[in-house]
Amino acid sequence: MVQSYYTIVSNTLIADNTYEMVLSGATDEITAPGQFINIKIDGFFLRRPISICDYDKSTITIIYKVVGEGTKTLSKMKNG
């Protein structure tokens, strides 16, 4: 398992309780949309598995729905 660190470029509400987050960082290990990344959120024991919607040489885009405390916390995260 490769552990990478990403910076939030944007975290935008796109529908009811649904967000699009763009993350900047290494994308060398990604081969196709649909792969999952496990997002570690400070203060939570379990990671959140979320599939990749899109990617390029330096960014990953995910779309997620707020369904619990972890994704609620994720939705409040700001750029940078």
PDB file of N, CA and C in Angstrom:
ATOM      1  N   MET A   1       0.846  -1.185   0.000  1.00  0.00           N
ATOM      2  CA  MET A   1       0.000   0.000   0.000  1.00  0.00           C
ATOM      3  C   MET A   1       0.883   1.237   0.000  1.00  0.00           C
ATOM      4  N   VAL A   2       0.623   2.138  -0.919  1.00  0.00           N
ATOM      5  CA  VAL A   2       1.355   3.381  -1.015  1.00  0.00           C
ATOM      6  C   VAL A   2       0.596   4.451  -0.241  1.00  0.00           C
ATOM      7  N   GLN A   3       1.299   5.149   0.648  1.00  0.00           N
ATOM      8  CA  GLN A   3       0.662   6.230   1.389  1.00  0.00           C
ATOM      9  C   GLN A   3       1.119   7.539   0.775  1.00  0.00           C
ATOM     10  N   SER A   4       0.174   8.361   0.379  1.00  0.00           N
ATOM     11  CA  SER A   4       0.465   9.649  -0.230  1.00  0.00           C
ATOM     12  C   SER A   4      -0.254  10.744   0.535  1.00  0.00           C
ATOM     13  N   TYR A   5       0.251  11.938   0.404  1.00  0.00           N
ATOM     14  CA  TYR A   5      -0.356  13.097   1.041  1.00  0.00           C
ATOM     15  C   TYR A   5      -0.824  14.051  -0.045  1.00  0.00           C
ATOM     16  N   TYR A   6      -2.012  14.597   0.153  1.00  0.00           N
ATOM     17  CA  TYR A   6      -2.625  15.467  -0.842  1.00  0.00           C
ATOM     18  C   TYR A   6      -3.059  16.781  -0.209  1.00  0.00           C
ATOM     19  N   THR A   7      -3.166  17.797  -1.037  1.00  0.00           N
ATOM     20  CA  THR A   7      -3.639  19.109  -0.613  1.00  0.00           C
ATOM     21  C   THR A   7      -4.986  19.357  -1.288  1.00  0.00           C
ATOM     22  N   ILE A   8      -5.933  19.880  -0.530  1.00  0.00           N
ATOM     23  CA  ILE A   8      -7.252  20.182  -1.090  1.00  0.00           C
ATOM     24  C   ILE A   8      -7.148  21.422  -1.973  1.00  0.00           C
ATOM     25  N   VAL A   9      -7.528  21.263  -3.242  1.00  0.00           N
ATOM     26  CA  VAL A   9      -7.566  22.377  -4.188  1.00  0.00           C
ATOM     27  C   VAL A   9      -8.952  23.023  -4.132  1.00  0.00           C
ATOM     28  N   SER A  10      -9.989  22.192  -4.077  1.00  0.00           N
ATOM     29  CA  SER A  10     -11.362  22.702  -3.946  1.00  0.00           C
ATOM     30  C   SER A  10     -12.230  21.630  -3.310  1.00  0.00           C
ATOM     31  N   ASN A  11     -13.287  22.073  -2.660  1.00  0.00           N
ATOM     32  CA  ASN A  11     -14.264  21.194  -2.016  1.00  0.00           C
ATOM     33  C   ASN A  11     -15.615  21.876  -2.186  1.00  0.00           C
ATOM     34  N   THR A  12     -16.325  21.513  -3.245  1.00  0.00           N
ATOM     35  CA  THR A  12     -17.493  22.257  -3.694  1.00  0.00           C
ATOM     36  C   THR A  12     -18.781  21.457  -3.552  1.00  0.00           C
ATOM     37  N   LEU A  13     -19.805  22.082  -2.974  1.00  0.00           N
ATOM     38  CA  LEU A  13     -21.139  21.485  -2.911  1.00  0.00           C
ATOM     39  C   LEU A  13     -21.714  21.497  -4.322  1.00  0.00           C
ATOM     40  N   ILE A  14     -22.062  20.302  -4.858  1.00  0.00           N
ATOM     41  CA  ILE A  14     -22.569  20.227  -6.233  1.00  0.00           C
ATOM     42  C   ILE A  14     -24.020  19.756  -6.302  1.00  0.00           C
ATOM     43  N   ALA A  15     -24.543  19.207  -5.208  1.00  0.00           N
ATOM     44  CA  ALA A  15     -25.937  18.764  -5.125  1.00  0.00           C
ATOM     45  C   ALA A  15     -26.251  18.615  -3.640  1.00  0.00           C
ATOM     46  N   ASP A  16     -27.462  18.226  -3.327  1.00  0.00           N
ATOM     47  CA  ASP A  16     -27.879  18.061  -1.943  1.00  0.00           C
ATOM     48  C   ASP A  16     -26.957  17.084  -1.215  1.00  0.00           C
ATOM     49  N   ASN A  17     -26.192  17.578  -0.240  1.00  0.00           N
ATOM     50  CA  ASN A  17     -25.251  16.780   0.554  1.00  0.00           C
ATOM     51  C   ASN A  17     -24.200  16.048  -0.280  1.00  0.00           C
ATOM     52  N   THR A  18     -23.918  16.528  -1.475  1.00  0.00           N
ATOM     53  CA  THR A  18     -22.945  15.894  -2.365  1.00  0.00           C
ATOM     54  C   THR A  18     -21.873  16.910  -2.743  1.00  0.00           C
ATOM     55  N   TYR A  19     -20.614  16.485  -2.615  1.00  0.00           N
ATOM     56  CA  TYR A  19     -19.485  17.373  -2.832  1.00  0.00           C
ATOM     57  C   TYR A  19     -18.532  16.819  -3.876  1.00  0.00           C
ATOM     58  N   GLU A  20     -17.864  17.742  -4.563  1.00  0.00           N
ATOM     59  CA  GLU A  20     -16.761  17.393  -5.448  1.00  0.00           C
ATOM     60  C   GLU A  20     -15.496  17.964  -4.810  1.00  0.00           C
ATOM     61  N   MET A  21     -14.516  17.099  -4.571  1.00  0.00           N
ATOM     62  CA  MET A  21     -13.256  17.529  -3.989  1.00  0.00           C
ATOM     63  C   MET A  21     -12.137  17.240  -4.980  1.00  0.00           C
ATOM     64  N   VAL A  22     -11.307  18.251  -5.206  1.00  0.00           N
ATOM     65  CA  VAL A  22     -10.128  18.092  -6.047  1.00  0.00           C
ATOM     66  C   VAL A  22      -8.918  18.144  -5.129  1.00  0.00           C
ATOM     67  N   LEU A  23      -8.056  17.131  -5.257  1.00  0.00           N
ATOM     68  CA  LEU A  23      -6.870  16.993  -4.428  1.00  0.00           C
ATOM     69  C   LEU A  23      -5.624  17.067  -5.302  1.00  0.00           C
ATOM     70  N   SER A  24      -4.625  17.797  -4.838  1.00  0.00           N
ATOM     71  CA  SER A  24      -3.367  17.915  -5.562  1.00  0.00           C
ATOM     72  C   SER A  24      -2.331  17.014  -4.911  1.00  0.00           C
ATOM     73  N   GLY A  25      -1.619  16.237  -5.733  1.00  0.00           N
ATOM     74  CA  GLY A  25      -0.581  15.349  -5.223  1.00  0.00           C
ATOM     75  C   GLY A  25      -0.207  14.311  -6.256  1.00  0.00           C
ATOM     76  N   ALA A  26       0.555  13.326  -5.834  1.00  0.00           N
ATOM     77  CA  ALA A  26       1.046  12.279  -6.731  1.00  0.00           C
ATOM     78  C   ALA A  26      -0.105  11.420  -7.258  1.00  0.00           C
ATOM     79  N   THR A  27      -0.077  11.176  -8.551  1.00  0.00           N
ATOM     80  CA  THR A  27      -1.103  10.327  -9.170  1.00  0.00           C
ATOM     81  C   THR A  27      -0.466   9.168  -9.944  1.00  0.00           C
ATOM     82  N   ASP A  28       0.796   8.898  -9.711  1.00  0.00           N
ATOM     83  CA  ASP A  28       1.532   7.858 -10.446  1.00  0.00           C
ATOM     84  C   ASP A  28       0.910   6.476 -10.323  1.00  0.00           C
ATOM     85  N   GLU A  29       0.309   6.165  -9.180  1.00  0.00           N
ATOM     86  CA  GLU A  29      -0.236   4.834  -8.933  1.00  0.00           C
ATOM     87  C   GLU A  29      -1.639   4.638  -9.497  1.00  0.00           C
ATOM     88  N   ILE A  30      -2.259   5.708  -9.976  1.00  0.00           N
ATOM     89  CA  ILE A  30      -3.629   5.627 -10.479  1.00  0.00           C
ATOM     90  C   ILE A  30      -3.593   5.253 -11.955  1.00  0.00           C
ATOM     91  N   THR A  31      -4.397   4.257 -12.319  1.00  0.00           N
ATOM     92  CA  THR A  31      -4.421   3.817 -13.715  1.00  0.00           C
ATOM     93  C   THR A  31      -5.756   4.059 -14.405  1.00  0.00           C
ATOM     94  N   ALA A  32      -6.831   4.305 -13.620  1.00  0.00           N
ATOM     95  CA  ALA A  32      -8.144   4.533 -14.233  1.00  0.00           C
ATOM     96  C   ALA A  32      -9.112   5.092 -13.203  1.00  0.00           C
ATOM     97  N   PRO A  33     -10.087   5.916 -13.648  1.00  0.00           N
ATOM     98  CA  PRO A  33     -11.152   6.324 -12.740  1.00  0.00           C
ATOM     99  C   PRO A  33     -11.868   5.079 -12.211  1.00  0.00           C
ATOM    100  N   GLY A  34     -12.418   5.175 -11.031  1.00  0.00           N
ATOM    101  CA  GLY A  34     -13.095   4.034 -10.414  1.00  0.00           C
ATOM    102  C   GLY A  34     -12.256   3.350  -9.360  1.00  0.00           C
ATOM    103  N   GLN A  35     -10.934   3.573  -9.400  1.00  0.00           N
ATOM    104  CA  GLN A  35     -10.092   3.043  -8.334  1.00  0.00           C
ATOM    105  C   GLN A  35     -10.449   3.761  -7.034  1.00  0.00           C
ATOM    106  N   PHE A  36     -10.187   3.105  -5.917  1.00  0.00           N
ATOM    107  CA  PHE A  36     -10.504   3.694  -4.625  1.00  0.00           C
ATOM    108  C   PHE A  36      -9.266   4.255  -3.959  1.00  0.00           C
ATOM    109  N   ILE A  37      -9.474   5.356  -3.234  1.00  0.00           N
ATOM    110  CA  ILE A  37      -8.464   5.854  -2.317  1.00  0.00           C
ATOM    111  C   ILE A  37      -9.078   5.781  -0.925  1.00  0.00           C
ATOM    112  N   ASN A  38      -8.251   5.564   0.066  1.00  0.00           N
ATOM    113  CA  ASN A  38      -8.705   5.527   1.460  1.00  0.00           C
ATOM    114  C   ASN A  38      -8.266   6.826   2.113  1.00  0.00           C
ATOM    115  N   ILE A  39      -9.235   7.621   2.512  1.00  0.00           N
ATOM    116  CA  ILE A  39      -8.947   8.938   3.066  1.00  0.00           C
ATOM    117  C   ILE A  39      -8.965   8.862   4.588  1.00  0.00           C
ATOM    118  N   LYS A  40      -7.836   9.279   5.190  1.00  0.00           N
ATOM    119  CA  LYS A  40      -7.723   9.331   6.649  1.00  0.00           C
ATOM    120  C   LYS A  40      -8.149  10.722   7.102  1.00  0.00           C
ATOM    121  N   ILE A  41      -9.104  10.758   8.012  1.00  0.00           N
ATOM    122  CA  ILE A  41      -9.602  12.018   8.551  1.00  0.00           C
ATOM    123  C   ILE A  41      -9.191  12.086  10.018  1.00  0.00           C
ATOM    124  N   ASP A  42      -8.502  13.161  10.397  1.00  0.00           N
ATOM    125  CA  ASP A  42      -8.059  13.315  11.780  1.00  0.00           C
ATOM    126  C   ASP A  42      -9.238  13.196  12.742  1.00  0.00           C
ATOM    127  N   GLY A  43      -9.038  12.433  13.800  1.00  0.00           N
ATOM    128  CA  GLY A  43     -10.067  12.252  14.810  1.00  0.00           C
ATOM    129  C   GLY A  43     -10.951  11.037  14.587  1.00  0.00           C
ATOM    130  N   PHE A  44     -10.753  10.330  13.469  1.00  0.00           N
ATOM    131  CA  PHE A  44     -11.544   9.142  13.159  1.00  0.00           C
ATOM    132  C   PHE A  44     -10.606   7.956  12.988  1.00  0.00           C
ATOM    133  N   PHE A  45     -11.006   6.814  13.518  1.00  0.00           N
ATOM    134  CA  PHE A  45     -10.187   5.608  13.468  1.00  0.00           C
ATOM    135  C   PHE A  45     -10.180   4.993  12.074  1.00  0.00           C
ATOM    136  N   LEU A  46     -11.354   4.862  11.453  1.00  0.00           N
ATOM    137  CA  LEU A  46     -11.462   4.213  10.153  1.00  0.00           C
ATOM    138  C   LEU A  46     -11.258   5.206   9.014  1.00  0.00           C
ATOM    139  N   ARG A  47     -10.624   4.736   7.960  1.00  0.00           N
ATOM    140  CA  ARG A  47     -10.459   5.544   6.753  1.00  0.00           C
ATOM    141  C   ARG A  47     -11.734   5.461   5.913  1.00  0.00           C
ATOM    142  N   ARG A  48     -11.939   6.448   5.049  1.00  0.00           N
ATOM    143  CA  ARG A  48     -13.111   6.476   4.175  1.00  0.00           C
ATOM    144  C   ARG A  48     -12.689   6.047   2.777  1.00  0.00           C
ATOM    145  N   PRO A  49     -13.183   4.900   2.267  1.00  0.00           N
ATOM    146  CA  PRO A  49     -12.860   4.509   0.896  1.00  0.00           C
ATOM    147  C   PRO A  49     -13.774   5.255  -0.081  1.00  0.00           C
ATOM    148  N   ILE A  50     -13.174   6.009  -0.980  1.00  0.00           N
ATOM    149  CA  ILE A  50     -13.942   6.796  -1.939  1.00  0.00           C
ATOM    150  C   ILE A  50     -13.319   6.580  -3.314  1.00  0.00           C
ATOM    151  N   SER A  51     -14.171   6.363  -4.311  1.00  0.00           N
ATOM    152  CA  SER A  51     -13.631   6.090  -5.646  1.00  0.00           C
ATOM    153  C   SER A  51     -13.238   7.386  -6.354  1.00  0.00           C
ATOM    154  N   ILE A  52     -12.254   7.254  -7.211  1.00  0.00           N
ATOM    155  CA  ILE A  52     -11.733   8.380  -7.972  1.00  0.00           C
ATOM    156  C   ILE A  52     -12.651   8.619  -9.165  1.00  0.00           C
ATOM    157  N   CYS A  53     -13.089   9.855  -9.315  1.00  0.00           N
ATOM    158  CA  CYS A  53     -13.966  10.241 -10.423  1.00  0.00           C
ATOM    159  C   CYS A  53     -13.139  10.598 -11.661  1.00  0.00           C
ATOM    160  N   ASP A  54     -12.030  11.315 -11.441  1.00  0.00           N
ATOM    161  CA  ASP A  54     -11.179  11.758 -12.532  1.00  0.00           C
ATOM    162  C   ASP A  54      -9.790  12.020 -11.969  1.00  0.00           C
ATOM    163  N   TYR A  55      -8.791  12.051 -12.846  1.00  0.00           N
ATOM    164  CA  TYR A  55      -7.435  12.365 -12.418  1.00  0.00           C
ATOM    165  C   TYR A  55      -6.630  12.867 -13.611  1.00  0.00           C
ATOM    166  N   ASP A  56      -5.535  13.558 -13.310  1.00  0.00           N
ATOM    167  CA  ASP A  56      -4.579  13.934 -14.343  1.00  0.00           C
ATOM    168  C   ASP A  56      -3.181  13.812 -13.732  1.00  0.00           C
ATOM    169  N   LYS A  57      -2.202  14.498 -14.285  1.00  0.00           N
ATOM    170  CA  LYS A  57      -0.811  14.341 -13.831  1.00  0.00           C
ATOM    171  C   LYS A  57      -0.581  14.799 -12.401  1.00  0.00           C
ATOM    172  N   SER A  58      -1.438  15.684 -11.885  1.00  0.00           N
ATOM    173  CA  SER A  58      -1.173  16.223 -10.554  1.00  0.00           C
ATOM    174  C   SER A  58      -2.396  16.342  -9.650  1.00  0.00           C
ATOM    175  N   THR A  59      -3.595  15.948 -10.130  1.00  0.00           N
ATOM    176  CA  THR A  59      -4.788  16.071  -9.293  1.00  0.00           C
ATOM    177  C   THR A  59      -5.673  14.827  -9.369  1.00  0.00           C
ATOM    178  N   ILE A  60      -6.438  14.645  -8.309  1.00  0.00           N
ATOM    179  CA  ILE A  60      -7.458  13.594  -8.218  1.00  0.00           C
ATOM    180  C   ILE A  60      -8.773  14.293  -7.910  1.00  0.00           C
ATOM    181  N   THR A  61      -9.847  13.879  -8.570  1.00  0.00           N
ATOM    182  CA  THR A  61     -11.177  14.402  -8.272  1.00  0.00           C
ATOM    183  C   THR A  61     -12.024  13.273  -7.704  1.00  0.00           C
ATOM    184  N   ILE A  62     -12.657  13.551  -6.563  1.00  0.00           N
ATOM    185  CA  ILE A  62     -13.587  12.592  -5.965  1.00  0.00           C
ATOM    186  C   ILE A  62     -14.935  13.278  -5.795  1.00  0.00           C
ATOM    187  N   ILE A  63     -15.987  12.499  -5.825  1.00  0.00           N
ATOM    188  CA  ILE A  63     -17.332  12.994  -5.527  1.00  0.00           C
ATOM    189  C   ILE A  63     -17.870  12.122  -4.407  1.00  0.00           C
ATOM    190  N   TYR A  64     -18.354  12.758  -3.347  1.00  0.00           N
ATOM    191  CA  TYR A  64     -18.821  12.001  -2.192  1.00  0.00           C
ATOM    192  C   TYR A  64     -20.076  12.634  -1.615  1.00  0.00           C
ATOM    193  N   LYS A  65     -20.851  11.813  -0.938  1.00  0.00           N
ATOM    194  CA  LYS A  65     -22.084  12.252  -0.293  1.00  0.00           C
ATOM    195  C   LYS A  65     -21.882  12.218   1.220  1.00  0.00           C
ATOM    196  N   VAL A  66     -22.399  13.217   1.900  1.00  0.00           N
ATOM    197  CA  VAL A  66     -22.326  13.262   3.359  1.00  0.00           C
ATOM    198  C   VAL A  66     -23.357  12.283   3.914  1.00  0.00           C
ATOM    199  N   VAL A  67     -22.869  11.216   4.573  1.00  0.00           N
ATOM    200  CA  VAL A  67     -23.762  10.192   5.125  1.00  0.00           C
ATOM    201  C   VAL A  67     -23.485   9.904   6.598  1.00  0.00           C
ATOM    202  N   GLY A  68     -22.431  10.473   7.129  1.00  0.00           N
ATOM    203  CA  GLY A  68     -22.085  10.228   8.524  1.00  0.00           C
ATOM    204  C   GLY A  68     -21.138  11.316   9.007  1.00  0.00           C
ATOM    205  N   GLU A  69     -20.622  11.121  10.208  1.00  0.00           N
ATOM    206  CA  GLU A  69     -19.758  12.133  10.815  1.00  0.00           C
ATOM    207  C   GLU A  69     -18.441  12.308  10.054  1.00  0.00           C
ATOM    208  N   GLY A  70     -17.894  11.219   9.504  1.00  0.00           N
ATOM    209  CA  GLY A  70     -16.629  11.309   8.776  1.00  0.00           C
ATOM    210  C   GLY A  70     -16.752  12.152   7.516  1.00  0.00           C
ATOM    211  N   THR A  71     -17.745  11.864   6.697  1.00  0.00           N
ATOM    212  CA  THR A  71     -17.921  12.630   5.466  1.00  0.00           C
ATOM    213  C   THR A  71     -18.447  14.050   5.775  1.00  0.00           C
ATOM    214  N   LYS A  72     -19.122  14.217   6.887  1.00  0.00           N
ATOM    215  CA  LYS A  72     -19.541  15.557   7.308  1.00  0.00           C
ATOM    216  C   LYS A  72     -18.300  16.401   7.617  1.00  0.00           C
ATOM    217  N   THR A  73     -17.341  15.804   8.324  1.00  0.00           N
ATOM    218  CA  THR A  73     -16.082  16.480   8.617  1.00  0.00           C
ATOM    219  C   THR A  73     -15.331  16.782   7.318  1.00  0.00           C
ATOM    220  N   LEU A  74     -15.296  15.813   6.412  1.00  0.00           N
ATOM    221  CA  LEU A  74     -14.634  15.993   5.110  1.00  0.00           C
ATOM    222  C   LEU A  74     -15.256  17.160   4.357  1.00  0.00           C
ATOM    223  N   SER A  75     -16.576  17.299   4.419  1.00  0.00           N
ATOM    224  CA  SER A  75     -17.262  18.367   3.688  1.00  0.00           C
ATOM    225  C   SER A  75     -16.924  19.757   4.207  1.00  0.00           C
ATOM    226  N   LYS A  76     -16.445  19.854   5.433  1.00  0.00           N
ATOM    227  CA  LYS A  76     -16.112  21.143   6.046  1.00  0.00           C
ATOM    228  C   LYS A  76     -14.653  21.542   5.824  1.00  0.00           C
ATOM    229  N   MET A  77     -13.860  20.658   5.213  1.00  0.00           N
ATOM    230  CA  MET A  77     -12.446  20.945   4.990  1.00  0.00           C
ATOM    231  C   MET A  77     -12.295  22.003   3.894  1.00  0.00           C
ATOM    232  N   LYS A  78     -11.340  22.892   4.108  1.00  0.00           N
ATOM    233  CA  LYS A  78     -11.116  24.019   3.200  1.00  0.00           C
ATOM    234  C   LYS A  78      -9.913  23.781   2.309  1.00  0.00           C
ATOM    235  N   ASN A  79      -9.774  24.611   1.309  1.00  0.00           N
ATOM    236  CA  ASN A  79      -8.628  24.547   0.403  1.00  0.00           C
ATOM    237  C   ASN A  79      -7.323  24.709   1.175  1.00  0.00           C
ATOM    238  N   GLY A  80      -6.299  24.028   0.677  1.00  0.00           N
ATOM    239  CA  GLY A  80      -4.978  24.139   1.297  1.00  0.00           C
ATOM    240  C   GLY A  80      -4.779  23.142   2.390  1.00  0.00           C
TER     241      GLY A  80
END
